[in-house]
Protein backbone atom coordinates (compact mmCIF):
# COMPACT_ATOMS: atom_id res chain seq x y z
CA MET A 1 -0.02 0.05 -0.01
CA PRO A 2 1.48 3.38 -1.01
CA SER A 3 2.44 5.71 1.87
CA TRP A 4 0.73 8.69 0.21
CA SER A 5 -2.14 9.55 -2.14
CA SER A 6 -3.50 12.52 -4.10
CA CYS A 7 -6.30 14.44 -2.55
CA SER A 8 -8.35 17.70 -3.13
CA MET A 9 -7.85 20.98 -1.33
CA PRO A 10 -11.23 20.58 0.55
CA GLU A 11 -9.99 17.24 1.84
CA ILE A 12 -6.78 18.92 2.99
CA LEU A 13 -8.70 21.58 4.70
CA GLU A 14 -10.92 18.90 6.43
CA LEU A 15 -7.80 16.93 7.56
CA THR A 16 -6.24 20.13 9.05
CA ASP A 17 -9.38 21.52 10.70
CA ASP A 18 -9.35 24.52 8.29
CA ASP A 19 -5.73 25.37 9.07
CA PRO A 20 -5.34 29.23 8.76
CA LEU A 21 -2.11 28.98 6.74
CA ILE A 22 -3.75 26.80 4.11
CA ARG A 23 -7.06 28.79 4.16
CA GLY A 24 -5.07 32.05 3.71
CA THR A 25 -3.30 30.79 0.53
CA ARG A 26 -5.13 32.19 -2.56
CA GLY A 27 -7.92 29.79 -3.19
CA ALA A 28 -7.49 29.73 -7.03
CA SER A 29 -3.67 29.44 -6.70
CA ARG A 30 -3.29 26.33 -4.63
CA GLY A 31 -3.38 22.63 -5.36
CA PRO A 32 -3.11 19.78 -6.34
CA GLY A 33 -2.69 18.23 -2.93
CA TRP A 34 -1.38 15.05 -1.32
CA ARG A 35 -1.72 13.31 1.99
CA SER A 36 0.15 10.64 3.93
CA ALA A 37 -1.59 7.30 4.43
CA ASP A 38 -2.81 8.23 7.93
CA GLY A 39 -3.62 11.90 6.99
CA ARG A 40 -1.27 13.39 9.52
CA ALA A 41 0.93 14.97 6.85
CA VAL A 42 -0.34 16.96 3.90
CA ALA A 43 1.16 18.89 0.99
CA PHE A 44 -0.04 21.22 -1.64
CA THR A 45 1.38 23.46 -4.31
CA GLY A 46 1.07 27.24 -4.37
CA TYR A 47 1.01 29.26 -7.61
CA ASP A 48 1.94 32.86 -8.55
CA ALA A 49 -0.28 35.33 -10.32
CA ASP A 50 0.96 33.96 -13.69
CA GLY A 51 0.05 30.46 -12.84
CA ARG A 52 3.40 29.18 -12.20
CA VAL A 53 4.20 26.89 -9.38
CA ARG A 54 6.09 28.84 -6.68
CA ALA A 55 6.22 26.49 -3.66
CA LEU A 56 5.47 23.11 -2.31
CA VAL A 57 3.99 23.56 1.19
CA ALA A 58 3.99 20.53 3.53
CA LEU A 59 2.67 20.35 7.07
CA GLY A 60 2.68 17.54 9.69
CA PRO A 61 5.02 15.59 11.89
CA PRO A 62 8.55 15.96 10.55
CA GLU A 63 9.07 12.24 10.06
CA GLU A 64 5.98 11.88 7.90
CA THR A 65 6.40 15.22 6.11
CA VAL A 66 9.88 14.28 4.91
CA GLU A 67 8.46 11.11 3.39
CA LEU A 68 5.61 12.91 1.74
CA VAL A 69 7.79 15.68 0.25
CA ALA A 70 10.33 13.10 -1.08
CA ALA A 71 7.47 11.24 -2.74
CA VAL A 72 5.80 14.16 -4.62
CA TYR A 73 8.70 16.54 -5.16
CA GLY A 74 9.66 14.82 -8.40
CA GLU A 75 6.35 16.09 -9.87
CA MET A 76 7.31 19.72 -9.20
CA PRO A 77 9.12 22.02 -11.75
CA GLU A 78 12.82 22.48 -11.24
CA GLY A 79 13.92 25.04 -8.64
CA ILE A 80 10.73 25.60 -6.60
CA ARG A 81 10.84 26.41 -2.97
CA VAL A 82 9.78 23.96 -0.22
CA ILE A 83 8.08 25.12 2.94
CA VAL A 84 8.15 22.56 5.76
CA PRO A 85 7.96 22.40 9.59
CA ARG A 86 11.27 23.37 11.08
CA GLY A 87 13.25 20.31 12.00
CA THR A 88 12.03 18.22 9.01
CA PRO A 89 15.13 16.24 7.99
CA LEU A 90 15.43 17.55 4.45
CA ALA A 91 18.71 18.76 2.83
CA LEU A 92 17.63 22.27 1.90
CA THR A 93 19.91 24.87 0.29
CA GLN A 94 19.33 28.58 1.01
CA PRO A 95 17.20 27.76 4.06
CA SER A 96 15.23 30.55 5.79
CA ASP A 97 13.60 30.06 9.15
CA TRP A 98 10.40 31.89 9.87
CA ASN A 99 7.27 31.62 11.99
CA PHE A 100 3.62 31.65 10.93
CA ARG A 101 1.49 33.53 13.48
CA ALA A 102 -2.32 33.61 13.70
CA ALA A 103 -4.69 35.54 15.95
CA PHE A 104 -8.41 34.67 16.41
CA GLY A 105 -9.50 37.79 18.48
CA ALA A 106 -8.99 41.54 18.66
CA PRO A 107 -5.85 42.74 20.29
CA PRO A 108 -5.58 44.84 23.51
CA PRO A 109 -5.64 48.62 22.84
CA GLN A 110 -2.27 50.14 21.77
CA PRO A 111 -1.09 53.68 22.57
CA ALA A 112 -0.73 55.13 19.07
CA GLU A 113 -3.79 53.52 17.27
CA ALA A 114 -5.52 56.97 17.02
CA GLY A 115 -2.65 58.05 14.62
CA VAL A 116 -3.02 55.28 12.16
CA ALA A 117 -4.80 55.75 8.88
CA TRP A 118 -4.92 54.18 5.40
CA CYS A 119 -2.04 55.64 3.37
CA ASP A 120 -1.86 56.10 -0.44
CA ASP A 121 1.58 57.84 -0.45
CA GLU A 122 3.45 54.97 -2.09
CA ASP A 123 6.66 56.98 -2.54
CA ALA A 124 6.84 57.56 1.24
CA VAL A 125 6.19 53.82 1.89
CA THR A 126 8.93 52.88 -0.61
CA ASP A 127 11.41 55.32 1.14
CA LEU A 128 10.52 53.88 4.58
CA LEU A 129 10.84 50.24 3.51
CA THR A 130 14.09 50.92 1.63
CA LEU A 131 15.50 52.51 4.84
CA VAL A 132 14.50 49.95 7.46
CA SER A 133 13.21 46.74 5.72
CA PRO A 134 14.83 46.26 2.30
CA GLY A 135 14.19 42.51 2.48
CA THR A 136 10.37 42.91 2.97
CA SER A 137 7.97 40.57 1.29
CA ALA A 138 5.69 43.39 -0.15
CA TRP A 139 6.26 46.71 -1.80
CA PRO A 140 4.10 49.40 -3.36
CA GLY A 141 2.84 48.29 -6.72
CA ASP A 142 2.83 44.60 -5.71
CA PRO A 143 -0.59 43.17 -6.88
CA LYS A 144 -0.98 41.16 -3.65
CA VAL A 145 -1.21 44.46 -1.55
CA ARG A 146 -4.73 45.54 -1.04
CA ARG A 147 -3.76 48.83 0.61
CA TRP A 148 -1.27 50.34 2.95
CA ALA A 149 -1.63 51.80 6.52
CA GLY A 150 0.60 54.40 7.92
CA ILE A 151 1.47 56.59 10.92
CA ARG A 152 2.56 60.13 10.17
CA GLN A 153 4.06 62.70 12.54
CA ASP A 154 4.98 66.17 11.46
CA GLY A 155 4.47 65.19 7.87
CA ARG A 156 6.80 62.17 8.03
CA LEU A 157 5.77 58.56 7.50
CA LEU A 158 7.10 56.84 10.58
CA ALA A 159 5.40 53.34 10.25
CA CYS A 160 3.79 51.40 7.57
CA LEU A 161 1.91 48.04 7.11
CA ALA A 162 0.49 46.27 4.08
CA ASP A 163 -2.89 44.49 4.00
CA THR A 164 -2.07 41.46 1.87
CA SER A 165 -5.17 39.45 2.59
CA SER A 166 -6.06 37.13 -0.34
CA VAL A 167 -9.24 35.28 0.63
CA ASP A 168 -12.41 36.20 2.44
CA GLY A 169 -12.40 35.48 6.17
CA VAL A 170 -8.59 35.42 6.58
CA GLY A 171 -6.76 38.74 7.08
CA HIS A 172 -3.04 38.91 6.42
CA VAL A 173 -0.57 41.62 7.23
CA SER A 174 2.96 42.16 5.82
CA ALA A 175 5.73 44.72 5.54
CA ILE A 176 5.41 46.06 9.02
CA ALA A 177 8.13 48.72 9.36
CA VAL A 178 8.97 51.45 11.85
CA HIS A 179 11.41 54.41 11.16
CA THR A 180 14.65 54.14 13.12
CA ASP A 181 13.94 57.61 14.57
CA ALA A 182 10.58 56.36 16.06
CA ARG A 183 11.47 52.87 17.56
CA GLY A 184 10.47 52.24 21.14
CA CYS A 185 7.40 54.39 20.82
CA GLY A 186 4.89 51.58 20.34
CA LEU A 187 4.26 52.29 16.65
CA GLY A 188 4.73 48.70 15.53
CA PRO A 189 2.06 47.16 17.85
CA SER A 190 -0.22 50.15 17.31
CA ILE A 191 -0.28 49.94 13.55
CA THR A 192 -0.67 46.13 13.70
CA ALA A 193 -3.54 46.27 16.24
CA TRP A 194 -5.24 48.98 14.15
CA ALA A 195 -5.16 46.80 11.05
CA MET A 196 -6.24 43.59 13.02
CA ARG A 197 -9.35 45.43 14.23
CA ARG A 198 -10.35 46.42 10.77
CA MET A 199 -9.85 42.95 9.42
CA PHE A 200 -12.01 41.39 12.21
CA ALA A 201 -14.59 44.18 11.61
CA ARG A 202 -14.92 43.28 7.95
CA GLY A 203 -15.68 39.64 8.83
CA CYS A 204 -12.35 37.88 9.11
CA ASP A 205 -12.17 35.19 11.83
CA VAL A 206 -8.36 35.00 11.84
CA VAL A 207 -5.53 37.40 11.15
CA THR A 208 -2.12 35.98 10.07
CA LEU A 209 1.38 37.01 9.33
CA GLY A 210 4.84 35.68 8.81
CA VAL A 211 7.93 36.71 10.79
CA TYR A 212 11.58 35.78 10.59
CA ALA A 213 12.65 33.43 13.37
CA ASP A 214 15.45 35.62 14.50
CA ASN A 215 13.12 38.67 15.02
CA THR A 216 12.76 38.09 18.79
CA VAL A 217 11.34 41.64 19.32
CA GLY A 218 8.67 40.97 16.75
CA LEU A 219 7.81 37.60 18.11
CA ARG A 220 7.23 38.98 21.57
CA MET A 221 5.14 41.81 20.17
CA TYR A 222 2.90 39.32 18.42
CA ASP A 223 2.51 37.35 21.57
CA ARG A 224 1.27 40.49 23.36
CA LEU A 225 -1.19 41.20 20.50
CA GLY A 226 -2.86 37.78 20.79
CA PHE A 227 -1.19 35.86 18.02
CA THR A 228 -1.59 32.40 19.72
CA VAL A 229 -0.57 30.29 16.84
CA ASN A 230 3.24 30.20 16.54
CA ARG A 231 4.34 27.66 13.97
CA ALA A 232 8.05 27.29 13.22
CA LEU A 233 8.73 26.70 9.51
CA THR A 234 11.70 26.56 7.13
CA THR A 235 11.75 27.63 3.46
CA GLY A 236 14.46 26.43 1.15
CA LEU A 237 15.38 24.74 -2.10
CA MET A 238 15.57 20.95 -2.26
CA LYS A 239 18.19 19.16 -4.38
CA ARG A 240 16.69 16.49 -6.66
CA SER A 241 17.94 12.90 -6.40
CA ASP A 242 19.99 11.81 -9.54
């Protein structure tokens, strides 16, 4: 009996109790899917806006995830990224450790929320991100960005955040950045909490984000804001067997 089989995305969502990471992946840009024999490990492909495979995402116990990835990776195009639970025994090149966070309720009030507003000054956002977060996952002009939020003081943009939600019911925030001159003033948690409230108000039942594993300040901040899901993941490239 094979150790894995193909399955649909609805089946994967049922097996994972509507996992917020899977739910938040663009619905039209995911699949096909696979599952281990006992259903504890699942995998699916994610596509970019042009319909090209961009990643193989696998979730489950590391010992089963590694077998599932090894079984299906040969069906993937050359050079795609693999996203797996941290500690999965795969030989990945260019690995990047990050944490998936999810919150299911509104955060506690933050001191500078009153100063947050939606922001259409993309030049100012670009300048801020270039200064403090050049490796960010979202930039002005990126089609995955719904809109930007910002905090201005004395005409300067001191903090920004991107709403990159892609499906109804799941809010997603990206590109949270605070100017070096304004750090320690609570702007990061304030702009994040402000965006979370608006996502919950429009009908989302969960808000998600990704954060690099070495960003200890950010991880603590998200704890305080109510991000109770904290999943350790690794992204990398997998060498094919000869």
